[in-house]
Amino acid sequence: MRFRYLLREVMTGLRRNITLTLAVMITVAVSLSLFGSSLLVRAQVQEMKDFWYDKVEVSIFLCGDISDSPTCAGGAISEEEKTQINADLEALKPLVETIYFETQTEALSRFKEQFKNSPLAETATIDQMPESFRVKLSDPTQYAVIAAAFAGRPGIEDVVDQRQALDRLFRALAGLQTLALVIAGVMLLVTALLISNTMRVAAFSRRRETSIMRLVGASNFSIQLPFIMEAAVAALFGTTFATGALVFGKIYLIDQNLATTFTFTTFIGWDAVISVIPWMLLAGLGLAVVAAGLTLQRYLKV
């Protein structure tokens, strides 16, 4: 009987304030969609880091006939210097996982493949391509060890860590995630204020029923519970819509578009989406219950 009464009161309250209830649902859906998206962006950045950092290489470019680096003042690198560099790299194992020597011919071929649709590919010549050692590290974060051992050494033009370019990309993605979190935070604040206003209106419109419950000795909790449940139900509907938006985004945006277009990297799976949903549900219901409870303590004092 108590449950049926509670359910009846909740449904009555939702119908009485249908416009405000819809507004709460929409704002909860929008704010939680942004919140969930920011969490997925973080998961995507981590997914890309795990994928690309495992493939990142350190390139040790060697002096050629036309190199103008101060370390190349003695001209092109000699075979003895190449042998010594290779031996020094071997000595750094197990940090150095693999060593590959790229000739000028191979460098030119790779350059033309990378820029095959550009005029650069047609004008490039073999003497412009430096020889290099391509080094894969067991721990890509230890680039400084390679740089300290080889940078500025005679016969070596430059030491380049591919991770530096990736870090710039990941910092940009992290900035997008922060922006999404800030916007989501603002929207959640707006949602809390809207829920508070809705509860205030609901309490005012049902002040007669509340007075009767006071006269028969109902507790604070008994009086406030239907109002809190109204806010929770509205937030639950909003969370459901937000969850649907994330699922749609995973299917349409990621699986059907990004994953088929950018095949050179990996994207988050359904496990990431599933792991975000409980946080969205907790944020939505928690915000609704707390905002409603604090408001009702003021407007439904017994």
Foldseek 3Di string as FASTA:
>chain_A
DLVVVLVVLLVVLCVVPVVLLVVLLQLLLVLLLLVLVLLQLVVFLVQQCVWVLQVWWKKFFFFAQPADAPLCPVHADDPVVVVVVVVVLVVPPPQFPDKDKAALVNQLVVVCVVPVVHVVNVPDDSRVGTIIIITRGPRLVVVVVVCVVRPPHRRTRGIDTPVVVVVVVSVVSNVVSVVSNVVSVVSLVVSLVSLLVSLLVSCVVCVVVLVVCVVVPHDLCSSLVSSLVSLLVSLVSSLVSSLVVVVCCCVPVPVVPVCVPCVVGDHDDVVSSVVSSVVSSCSSSVSSNVSSVVSCCVSNPD
